[in-house]
């Protein structure tokens, strides 16, 4: 997630069916068309997300994979940071 992005929660049976019914609102081919919504996780659903600011976030996908971005932290240390301190700190249990 970046400064020009956002995440929103949708309760539906099939998000991709709903998106197809409103295809004029979405960029399905990553053609970088300005003004259209893009699915940055095509075929997967974000089940948990933690965001502080731009370039500082962690989320978990339905397939249990994760994605983290922590400005100033090496890629090697990001996974450990999110699991060991980032999430507990946000939840107030650190």
C-alpha atoms as a PDB file:
ATOM      1  CA  UNK A   1       0.000   0.000   0.000  1.00  0.00           C
ATOM      2  CA  UNK A   2       1.368   3.393  -0.943  1.00  0.00           C
ATOM      3  CA  UNK A   3       0.263   7.005  -0.603  1.00  0.00           C
ATOM      4  CA  UNK A   4      -2.024   6.702  -3.613  1.00  0.00           C
ATOM      5  CA  UNK A   5      -3.667   3.468  -2.433  1.00  0.00           C
ATOM      6  CA  UNK A   6      -6.334   2.368  -0.042  1.00  0.00           C
ATOM      7  CA  UNK A   7      -7.922  -0.819   1.223  1.00  0.00           C
ATOM      8  CA  UNK A   8     -11.614  -1.217   1.859  1.00  0.00           C
ATOM      9  CA  UNK A   9     -13.662  -4.020   3.368  1.00  0.00           C
ATOM     10  CA  UNK A  10     -16.360  -5.632   1.253  1.00  0.00           C
ATOM     11  CA  UNK A  11     -18.840  -8.231   2.448  1.00  0.00           C
ATOM     12  CA  UNK A  12     -19.994 -10.305  -0.514  1.00  0.00           C
ATOM     13  CA  UNK A  13     -20.219 -13.870  -1.761  1.00  0.00           C
ATOM     14  CA  UNK A  14     -17.830 -13.345  -4.689  1.00  0.00           C
ATOM     15  CA  UNK A  15     -15.861 -10.101  -4.998  1.00  0.00           C
ATOM     16  CA  UNK A  16     -14.555 -10.950  -8.466  1.00  0.00           C
ATOM     17  CA  UNK A  17     -18.089 -11.537  -9.785  1.00  0.00           C
ATOM     18  CA  UNK A  18     -19.130  -8.172  -8.353  1.00  0.00           C
ATOM     19  CA  UNK A  19     -16.121  -6.489  -9.921  1.00  0.00           C
ATOM     20  CA  UNK A  20     -16.922  -8.027 -13.320  1.00  0.00           C
ATOM     21  CA  UNK A  21     -20.454  -6.625 -13.106  1.00  0.00           C
ATOM     22  CA  UNK A  22     -18.927  -3.159 -12.702  1.00  0.00           C
ATOM     23  CA  UNK A  23     -16.033  -3.598 -15.108  1.00  0.00           C
ATOM     24  CA  UNK A  24     -16.030   0.079 -16.079  1.00  0.00           C
ATOM     25  CA  UNK A  25     -14.591   0.846 -12.617  1.00  0.00           C
ATOM     26  CA  UNK A  26     -11.674  -1.608 -12.669  1.00  0.00           C
ATOM     27  CA  UNK A  27      -8.359  -2.080 -14.466  1.00  0.00           C
ATOM     28  CA  UNK A  28      -8.200  -5.871 -14.807  1.00  0.00           C
ATOM     29  CA  UNK A  29      -5.149  -5.883 -17.110  1.00  0.00           C
ATOM     30  CA  UNK A  30      -2.809  -3.676 -15.063  1.00  0.00           C
ATOM     31  CA  UNK A  31      -2.808  -1.178 -17.925  1.00  0.00           C
ATOM     32  CA  UNK A  32      -2.184   1.653 -15.437  1.00  0.00           C
ATOM     33  CA  UNK A  33      -5.300   3.539 -16.511  1.00  0.00           C
ATOM     34  CA  UNK A  34      -5.733   6.565 -14.276  1.00  0.00           C
ATOM     35  CA  UNK A  35      -8.948   6.626 -12.247  1.00  0.00           C
ATOM     36  CA  UNK A  36      -9.671   2.898 -12.263  1.00  0.00           C
ATOM     37  CA  UNK A  37      -9.406   0.571  -9.272  1.00  0.00           C
ATOM     38  CA  UNK A  38      -6.632  -2.015  -9.447  1.00  0.00           C
ATOM     39  CA  UNK A  39      -6.467  -5.340  -7.613  1.00  0.00           C
ATOM     40  CA  UNK A  40      -2.929  -5.577  -6.261  1.00  0.00           C
ATOM     41  CA  UNK A  41      -3.585  -9.107  -4.960  1.00  0.00           C
ATOM     42  CA  UNK A  42      -5.428 -10.698  -7.912  1.00  0.00           C
ATOM     43  CA  UNK A  43      -6.997 -14.006  -6.985  1.00  0.00           C
ATOM     44  CA  UNK A  44      -6.230 -13.588  -3.292  1.00  0.00           C
ATOM     45  CA  UNK A  45      -7.974 -11.843  -0.415  1.00  0.00           C
ATOM     46  CA  UNK A  46      -6.376  -9.815   2.367  1.00  0.00           C
ATOM     47  CA  UNK A  47      -7.619 -11.275   5.667  1.00  0.00           C
ATOM     48  CA  UNK A  48      -5.637  -9.087   8.091  1.00  0.00           C
ATOM     49  CA  UNK A  49      -3.959  -5.734   7.585  1.00  0.00           C
ATOM     50  CA  UNK A  50      -1.966  -3.410   9.819  1.00  0.00           C
ATOM     51  CA  UNK A  51      -1.069   0.079   8.586  1.00  0.00           C
ATOM     52  CA  UNK A  52       0.632   2.989  10.321  1.00  0.00           C
ATOM     53  CA  UNK A  53       1.603   5.240   7.416  1.00  0.00           C
ATOM     54  CA  UNK A  54       2.901   5.073   3.856  1.00  0.00           C
ATOM     55  CA  UNK A  55       5.590   2.413   3.470  1.00  0.00           C
ATOM     56  CA  UNK A  56       4.866   0.960   6.921  1.00  0.00           C
ATOM     57  CA  UNK A  57       2.406  -1.939   6.787  1.00  0.00           C
ATOM     58  CA  UNK A  58       1.884  -5.676   7.105  1.00  0.00           C
ATOM     59  CA  UNK A  59      -0.905  -7.865   5.780  1.00  0.00           C
ATOM     60  CA  UNK A  60      -1.867 -11.532   5.659  1.00  0.00           C
ATOM     61  CA  UNK A  61      -3.544 -13.120   2.646  1.00  0.00           C
ATOM     62  CA  UNK A  62      -6.159 -15.886   2.585  1.00  0.00           C
ATOM     63  CA  UNK A  63      -3.487 -18.356   1.435  1.00  0.00           C
ATOM     64  CA  UNK A  64      -1.541 -17.471   4.662  1.00  0.00           C
ATOM     65  CA  UNK A  65       1.255 -15.695   2.812  1.00  0.00           C
ATOM     66  CA  UNK A  66       2.237 -12.248   4.083  1.00  0.00           C
ATOM     67  CA  UNK A  67       3.474  -8.962   2.691  1.00  0.00           C
ATOM     68  CA  UNK A  68       5.294  -6.372   4.748  1.00  0.00           C
ATOM     69  CA  UNK A  69       6.863  -3.018   4.073  1.00  0.00           C
ATOM     70  CA  UNK A  70       8.818  -1.263   6.783  1.00  0.00           C
ATOM     71  CA  UNK A  71      10.766   1.724   5.519  1.00  0.00           C
ATOM     72  CA  UNK A  72      14.346   1.520   6.761  1.00  0.00           C
ATOM     73  CA  UNK A  73      14.263  -2.205   7.592  1.00  0.00           C
ATOM     74  CA  UNK A  74      16.020  -4.780   5.410  1.00  0.00           C
ATOM     75  CA  UNK A  75      13.865  -7.310   3.553  1.00  0.00           C
ATOM     76  CA  UNK A  76      15.400 -10.104   5.617  1.00  0.00           C
ATOM     77  CA  UNK A  77      14.283  -8.531   8.877  1.00  0.00           C
ATOM     78  CA  UNK A  78      10.790  -7.511   7.787  1.00  0.00           C
ATOM     79  CA  UNK A  79       9.015 -10.822   8.427  1.00  0.00           C
ATOM     80  CA  UNK A  80      10.485 -11.198  11.893  1.00  0.00           C
ATOM     81  CA  UNK A  81       9.717  -7.584  12.723  1.00  0.00           C
ATOM     82  CA  UNK A  82       6.061  -7.892  11.731  1.00  0.00           C
ATOM     83  CA  UNK A  83       5.516 -11.104  13.664  1.00  0.00           C
ATOM     84  CA  UNK A  84       7.586 -10.369  16.760  1.00  0.00           C
ATOM     85  CA  UNK A  85       6.994  -6.693  17.443  1.00  0.00           C
ATOM     86  CA  UNK A  86       4.981  -4.792  14.851  1.00  0.00           C
ATOM     87  CA  UNK A  87       1.622  -6.545  15.271  1.00  0.00           C
ATOM     88  CA  UNK A  88       1.774  -6.860  19.099  1.00  0.00           C
ATOM     89  CA  UNK A  89       2.707  -3.176  19.347  1.00  0.00           C
ATOM     90  CA  UNK A  90      -0.308  -2.159  17.265  1.00  0.00           C
ATOM     91  CA  UNK A  91      -2.585  -4.379  19.336  1.00  0.00           C
ATOM     92  CA  UNK A  92      -1.226  -2.929  22.586  1.00  0.00           C
ATOM     93  CA  UNK A  93       0.197  -6.227  23.846  1.00  0.00           C
ATOM     94  CA  UNK A  94       3.902  -5.509  23.311  1.00  0.00           C
END
